[in-house]
Protein backbone atom coordinates (compact mmCIF):
# COMPACT_ATOMS: atom_id res chain seq x y z
CA MET A 1 0.06 0.09 0.00
CA ALA A 2 1.39 3.20 -1.06
CA THR A 3 0.80 6.21 1.24
CA MET A 4 1.65 9.71 1.43
CA GLY A 5 4.18 9.24 4.27
CA PHE A 6 4.71 12.23 6.60
CA ARG A 7 4.41 15.71 5.23
CA PRO A 8 5.16 19.15 7.02
CA TYR A 9 1.68 20.69 8.00
CA PRO A 10 0.55 23.15 6.72
CA GLY A 11 3.69 23.20 4.74
CA PRO A 12 7.46 22.93 4.76
CA ASP A 13 9.83 25.31 6.49
CA ALA A 14 12.59 25.76 3.84
CA THR A 15 15.10 26.62 6.81
CA LYS A 16 14.76 22.95 8.10
CA ILE A 17 15.65 21.18 4.92
CA VAL A 18 19.29 19.90 4.83
CA TYR A 19 20.93 18.06 1.68
CA LEU A 20 22.64 14.84 3.02
CA PRO A 21 24.29 11.95 1.14
CA GLU A 22 22.22 8.75 0.69
CA VAL A 23 23.75 5.26 0.64
CA VAL A 24 23.38 3.06 -2.37
CA SER A 25 21.22 0.44 -0.24
CA ALA A 26 18.77 2.96 0.71
CA THR A 27 15.14 2.33 -0.29
CA PHE A 28 13.11 5.43 1.06
CA LYS A 29 10.52 7.28 -0.73
CA GLN A 30 9.40 10.92 -0.38
CA GLY A 31 7.58 11.03 3.10
CA ASP A 32 9.42 8.30 4.76
CA PRO A 33 11.18 8.73 8.12
CA VAL A 34 14.97 8.52 7.75
CA VAL A 35 17.99 8.10 10.00
CA ILE A 36 21.68 8.88 9.57
CA SER A 37 23.91 5.60 9.47
CA GLY A 38 27.59 5.77 8.76
CA GLY A 39 27.16 9.30 7.55
CA TYR A 40 24.46 8.51 4.90
CA VAL A 41 20.66 8.94 4.90
CA THR A 42 18.80 5.71 4.97
CA ILE A 43 15.14 4.80 5.81
CA ALA A 44 14.38 4.33 9.65
CA THR A 45 13.82 0.75 10.78
CA ASP A 46 11.99 1.50 13.91
CA ASP A 47 10.34 4.39 15.72
CA ASP A 48 13.46 5.58 17.53
CA ASP A 49 16.26 8.14 16.60
CA ILE A 50 14.27 9.45 13.44
CA PHE A 51 16.43 12.34 12.16
CA GLY A 52 14.00 13.55 9.62
CA ILE A 53 11.52 13.03 6.69
CA ALA A 54 12.75 12.36 3.07
CA MET A 55 11.61 15.12 0.69
CA CYS A 56 12.26 12.87 -2.46
CA ASP A 57 12.79 9.41 -3.49
CA TYR A 58 16.09 7.89 -3.09
CA THR A 59 18.20 7.89 -6.41
CA GLY A 60 20.17 4.74 -5.74
CA THR A 61 23.50 6.55 -6.09
CA THR A 62 25.80 6.40 -3.01
CA GLY A 63 26.57 9.94 -2.03
CA ALA A 64 23.79 11.61 -4.03
CA ASP A 65 22.52 14.60 -2.10
CA THR A 66 19.09 13.91 -0.71
CA PRO A 67 16.71 16.64 0.86
CA VAL A 68 15.70 15.78 4.30
CA TYR A 69 13.30 17.84 6.46
CA VAL A 70 14.98 17.91 10.03
CA ILE A 71 12.26 17.13 12.82
CA THR A 72 12.37 19.47 15.72
CA PRO A 73 9.91 19.72 18.57
CA GLY A 74 6.62 21.21 17.79
CA ASP A 75 6.82 20.37 14.07
CA ARG A 76 3.49 19.21 12.93
CA PHE A 77 3.01 16.70 10.14
CA ILE A 78 0.23 15.18 8.24
CA ALA A 79 0.32 11.26 7.59
CA GLU A 80 -2.04 8.59 6.59
CA ALA A 81 -3.12 6.02 9.28
CA THR A 82 -2.23 2.53 8.59
CA SER A 83 -5.40 1.34 10.65
CA THR A 84 -8.86 2.84 11.15
CA THR A 85 -9.07 6.30 12.53
CA VAL A 86 -11.80 7.32 15.00
CA SER A 87 -12.25 10.56 17.08
CA THR A 88 -10.86 8.92 20.24
CA ASN A 89 -7.64 8.77 18.35
CA VAL A 90 -7.06 12.49 19.01
CA GLY A 91 -4.71 13.04 22.14
CA VAL A 92 -2.98 9.69 21.96
CA ALA A 93 0.68 8.76 20.81
CA TYR A 94 0.73 5.84 18.47
CA ALA A 95 3.35 3.50 16.92
CA LEU A 96 4.57 4.04 13.51
CA THR A 97 4.42 1.73 10.28
CA ILE A 98 7.83 2.19 8.45
CA SER A 99 8.18 0.77 5.00
CA ALA A 100 9.49 2.51 1.74
CA GLY A 101 6.39 4.12 0.28
CA ALA A 102 4.15 3.01 2.91
CA SER A 103 5.10 4.78 6.21
CA GLY A 104 2.41 6.14 8.25
CA VAL A 105 0.76 6.18 11.74
CA ASN A 106 -0.45 2.71 13.14
CA THR A 107 -3.65 3.72 15.11
CA ALA A 108 -3.91 0.20 16.12
CA SER A 109 -0.89 0.23 18.46
CA THR A 110 0.42 2.17 21.31
CA THR A 111 3.28 -0.13 22.22
CA THR A 112 6.06 2.24 21.00
CA PRO A 113 4.37 5.67 20.87
CA ALA A 114 5.97 7.77 18.21
CA PHE A 115 3.56 10.09 16.91
CA TYR A 116 0.97 12.07 18.78
CA ILE A 117 -2.25 12.85 17.18
CA ASP A 118 -3.53 16.43 17.73
CA GLU A 119 -6.49 16.18 15.28
CA LEU A 120 -8.04 14.15 12.36
CA ASP A 121 -7.95 15.83 9.02
CA PRO A 122 -11.42 17.37 8.64
CA ARG A 123 -11.77 16.26 4.98
CA ASP A 124 -11.89 12.71 6.20
CA GLY A 125 -14.46 13.22 8.71
CA ALA A 126 -14.53 11.69 12.26
CA THR A 127 -14.40 8.04 11.39
CA THR A 128 -12.54 6.54 8.15
CA GLY A 129 -10.94 3.27 7.21
CA ALA A 130 -7.23 2.84 6.90
CA GLY A 131 -5.88 5.73 5.04
CA GLY A 132 -7.55 8.38 6.96
CA ARG A 133 -5.32 11.29 7.61
CA VAL A 134 -3.99 12.61 10.96
CA ILE A 135 -2.24 15.75 12.02
CA GLY A 136 0.23 15.63 14.83
CA ARG A 137 3.74 15.48 15.92
CA PHE A 138 6.67 13.14 16.62
CA VAL A 139 7.09 12.18 20.50
CA TYR A 140 10.26 13.75 21.55
CA GLY A 141 12.14 10.60 22.43
CA SER A 142 11.68 9.42 18.73
CA MET A 143 13.66 12.44 17.30
CA ASP A 144 17.35 12.15 16.83
CA ALA A 145 18.14 15.39 15.44
CA ILE A 146 17.90 17.11 18.89
CA GLY A 147 19.40 14.02 20.69
CA GLY A 148 16.09 12.32 21.48
């Protein structure tokens, strides 16, 4: 399932975009959470130590500069839920689903809370199936750019 991934909401702040080299084995897509590993950008493998959000798909070329939106406290993002959304999701922190081109908020799991939902996207209504959009922010401990 392809998703929109995570997008700065209501829009990106250009001062938070940095260009970092990617590793050839990277498989991230635009909107996927990424980490820095061995000096290169690659897709995150879990909910911890996320550095930022990929602003474009990987090129497959080691060292190619990739724009990354660096996550800082208070930054808000819009993302798709990978499970059903209901109004009671608001005010709760959920786990992430991280997969190239299919990253989102797992509203079925609070086991490793990494994304706090501030609101449901009003365009989706109060209840939707998987793919409903949520607006919120990353939990402080999930962000590596600030030493979380």
